[in-house]
Amino acid sequence: MNLVKAIQMIRPFEGLPHYETAVAQLHVAATKGKRELHRAAYRIRDAFVAYDYSVSYGKSDEGVPV
């Protein structure tokens, strides 16, 4: 995995809090090698997915509770 691919993985979560911090962490992980970048990218993506799910649980697409 390269840095561009890792950033593309988390791009759908660009509006969420701490997105800029996540991108910075990917840059740091990229300096430590491909394996560390791979681990960091998936860990960050999974964290964003869990956060997005937890804040949108029970809401319709318009953000109104059902």
N, C-alpha and C. Protein backbone atom coordinates (compact mmCIF):
# COMPACT_ATOMS: atom_id res chain seq x y z
N MET A 1 0.86 -1.18 0.00
CA MET A 1 0.00 0.00 0.00
C MET A 1 0.90 1.23 0.00
N ASN A 2 0.46 2.24 -0.74
CA ASN A 2 1.20 3.49 -0.74
C ASN A 2 0.35 4.58 -0.08
N LEU A 3 0.96 5.73 0.12
CA LEU A 3 0.29 6.81 0.85
C LEU A 3 -0.96 7.31 0.13
N VAL A 4 -0.90 7.39 -1.18
CA VAL A 4 -2.06 7.87 -1.94
C VAL A 4 -3.25 6.94 -1.74
N LYS A 5 -3.01 5.65 -1.81
CA LYS A 5 -4.09 4.66 -1.63
C LYS A 5 -4.64 4.73 -0.20
N ALA A 6 -3.78 4.92 0.77
CA ALA A 6 -4.21 5.01 2.16
C ALA A 6 -5.10 6.23 2.38
N ILE A 7 -4.74 7.35 1.80
CA ILE A 7 -5.54 8.56 1.95
C ILE A 7 -6.88 8.40 1.22
N GLN A 8 -6.88 7.72 0.08
CA GLN A 8 -8.13 7.46 -0.63
C GLN A 8 -9.07 6.60 0.20
N MET A 9 -8.52 5.72 1.02
CA MET A 9 -9.36 4.86 1.87
C MET A 9 -10.18 5.66 2.87
N ILE A 10 -9.62 6.75 3.37
CA ILE A 10 -10.33 7.51 4.40
C ILE A 10 -10.99 8.77 3.85
N ARG A 11 -10.87 9.02 2.56
CA ARG A 11 -11.46 10.22 1.96
C ARG A 11 -12.97 10.32 2.17
N PRO A 12 -13.75 9.23 2.16
CA PRO A 12 -15.20 9.38 2.40
C PRO A 12 -15.55 9.98 3.75
N PHE A 13 -14.60 10.00 4.67
CA PHE A 13 -14.85 10.51 6.02
C PHE A 13 -14.26 11.90 6.21
N GLU A 14 -14.06 12.61 5.14
CA GLU A 14 -13.37 13.90 5.18
C GLU A 14 -14.05 14.93 6.09
N GLY A 15 -15.35 14.90 6.23
CA GLY A 15 -16.04 15.89 7.05
C GLY A 15 -16.07 15.57 8.54
N LEU A 16 -15.63 14.41 8.91
CA LEU A 16 -15.69 14.02 10.32
C LEU A 16 -14.57 14.66 11.13
N PRO A 17 -14.78 14.76 12.45
CA PRO A 17 -13.73 15.34 13.30
C PRO A 17 -12.43 14.53 13.23
N HIS A 18 -11.34 15.18 13.37
CA HIS A 18 -10.00 14.59 13.43
C HIS A 18 -9.52 14.01 12.10
N TYR A 19 -10.15 14.41 11.00
CA TYR A 19 -9.71 13.91 9.70
C TYR A 19 -8.29 14.37 9.38
N GLU A 20 -7.99 15.62 9.65
CA GLU A 20 -6.65 16.14 9.38
C GLU A 20 -5.60 15.42 10.21
N THR A 21 -5.93 15.09 11.44
CA THR A 21 -5.02 14.34 12.30
C THR A 21 -4.77 12.95 11.74
N ALA A 22 -5.83 12.33 11.21
CA ALA A 22 -5.69 11.00 10.61
C ALA A 22 -4.76 11.04 9.40
N VAL A 23 -4.89 12.07 8.58
CA VAL A 23 -4.02 12.19 7.41
C VAL A 23 -2.57 12.38 7.86
N ALA A 24 -2.38 13.17 8.89
CA ALA A 24 -1.03 13.37 9.42
C ALA A 24 -0.45 12.06 9.95
N GLN A 25 -1.28 11.26 10.60
CA GLN A 25 -0.82 9.97 11.11
C GLN A 25 -0.45 9.02 9.97
N LEU A 26 -1.17 9.11 8.87
CA LEU A 26 -0.81 8.29 7.71
C LEU A 26 0.54 8.71 7.14
N HIS A 27 0.80 10.00 7.15
CA HIS A 27 2.11 10.48 6.68
C HIS A 27 3.22 9.95 7.58
N VAL A 28 3.00 9.95 8.87
CA VAL A 28 4.00 9.44 9.81
C VAL A 28 4.20 7.94 9.61
N ALA A 29 3.10 7.21 9.45
CA ALA A 29 3.19 5.76 9.25
C ALA A 29 3.90 5.42 7.94
N ALA A 30 3.74 6.27 6.94
CA ALA A 30 4.39 6.02 5.65
C ALA A 30 5.91 6.08 5.77
N THR A 31 6.40 6.86 6.70
CA THR A 31 7.85 6.93 6.88
C THR A 31 8.41 5.69 7.56
N LYS A 32 7.53 4.91 8.19
CA LYS A 32 7.96 3.71 8.90
C LYS A 32 7.86 2.44 8.06
N GLY A 33 7.36 2.56 6.84
CA GLY A 33 7.31 1.40 5.96
C GLY A 33 5.91 1.03 5.54
N LYS A 34 5.85 0.15 4.54
CA LYS A 34 4.56 -0.23 3.97
C LYS A 34 3.69 -1.00 4.95
N ARG A 35 4.28 -1.86 5.74
CA ARG A 35 3.49 -2.65 6.69
C ARG A 35 2.83 -1.76 7.72
N GLU A 36 3.58 -0.82 8.26
CA GLU A 36 3.01 0.10 9.26
C GLU A 36 1.95 0.99 8.64
N LEU A 37 2.16 1.44 7.41
CA LEU A 37 1.17 2.25 6.71
C LEU A 37 -0.12 1.46 6.49
N HIS A 38 0.03 0.21 6.10
CA HIS A 38 -1.14 -0.65 5.89
C HIS A 38 -1.94 -0.80 7.17
N ARG A 39 -1.26 -1.09 8.24
CA ARG A 39 -1.93 -1.25 9.54
C ARG A 39 -2.62 0.03 9.98
N ALA A 40 -1.94 1.14 9.84
CA ALA A 40 -2.50 2.42 10.26
C ALA A 40 -3.71 2.80 9.41
N ALA A 41 -3.64 2.58 8.11
CA ALA A 41 -4.74 2.94 7.22
C ALA A 41 -6.00 2.16 7.57
N TYR A 42 -5.87 0.86 7.78
CA TYR A 42 -7.04 0.06 8.13
C TYR A 42 -7.56 0.39 9.53
N ARG A 43 -6.66 0.65 10.46
CA ARG A 43 -7.07 1.01 11.82
C ARG A 43 -7.83 2.33 11.82
N ILE A 44 -7.35 3.30 11.09
CA ILE A 44 -8.01 4.61 11.02
C ILE A 44 -9.35 4.49 10.30
N ARG A 45 -9.38 3.75 9.20
CA ARG A 45 -10.63 3.59 8.47
C ARG A 45 -11.68 2.90 9.35
N ASP A 46 -11.29 1.86 10.06
CA ASP A 46 -12.22 1.16 10.94
C ASP A 46 -12.73 2.07 12.06
N ALA A 47 -11.87 2.93 12.57
CA ALA A 47 -12.29 3.86 13.62
C ALA A 47 -13.30 4.86 13.08
N PHE A 48 -13.07 5.37 11.88
CA PHE A 48 -14.03 6.30 11.28
C PHE A 48 -15.36 5.62 11.00
N VAL A 49 -15.33 4.38 10.55
CA VAL A 49 -16.57 3.64 10.28
C VAL A 49 -17.35 3.46 11.58
N ALA A 50 -16.67 3.07 12.64
CA ALA A 50 -17.35 2.88 13.93
C ALA A 50 -17.93 4.19 14.45
N TYR A 51 -17.19 5.27 14.31
CA TYR A 51 -17.69 6.57 14.76
C TYR A 51 -18.90 7.01 13.95
N ASP A 52 -18.80 6.88 12.64
CA ASP A 52 -19.90 7.29 11.77
C ASP A 52 -21.15 6.48 12.07
N TYR A 53 -20.98 5.19 12.29
CA TYR A 53 -22.12 4.33 12.61
C TYR A 53 -22.74 4.74 13.94
N SER A 54 -21.91 5.03 14.92
CA SER A 54 -22.44 5.34 16.25
C SER A 54 -23.19 6.66 16.29
N VAL A 55 -22.75 7.64 15.51
CA VAL A 55 -23.45 8.93 15.54
C VAL A 55 -24.66 8.96 14.62
N SER A 56 -24.74 8.03 13.68
CA SER A 56 -25.87 8.05 12.75
C SER A 56 -26.85 6.90 13.01
N TYR A 57 -26.64 6.10 14.04
CA TYR A 57 -27.51 4.98 14.33
C TYR A 57 -28.91 5.47 14.67
N GLY A 58 -29.91 4.91 14.01
CA GLY A 58 -31.28 5.26 14.28
C GLY A 58 -31.78 6.49 13.58
N LYS A 59 -30.98 7.06 12.70
CA LYS A 59 -31.40 8.25 11.96
C LYS A 59 -31.65 7.88 10.51
N SER A 60 -32.59 8.56 9.90
CA SER A 60 -32.82 8.35 8.47
C SER A 60 -31.74 9.09 7.68
N ASP A 61 -31.80 9.03 6.38
CA ASP A 61 -30.79 9.68 5.54
C ASP A 61 -30.78 11.19 5.72
N GLU A 62 -31.91 11.78 6.12
CA GLU A 62 -31.98 13.21 6.30
C GLU A 62 -31.49 13.65 7.67
N GLY A 63 -31.11 12.70 8.53
CA GLY A 63 -30.62 13.03 9.86
C GLY A 63 -31.70 13.17 10.90
N VAL A 64 -32.94 12.85 10.54
CA VAL A 64 -34.06 12.95 11.48
C VAL A 64 -34.27 11.58 12.10
N PRO A 65 -34.35 11.49 13.45
CA PRO A 65 -34.58 10.18 14.08
C PRO A 65 -35.88 9.55 13.60
N VAL A 66 -35.84 8.26 13.46
CA VAL A 66 -37.01 7.52 12.99
C VAL A 66 -37.82 6.98 14.15
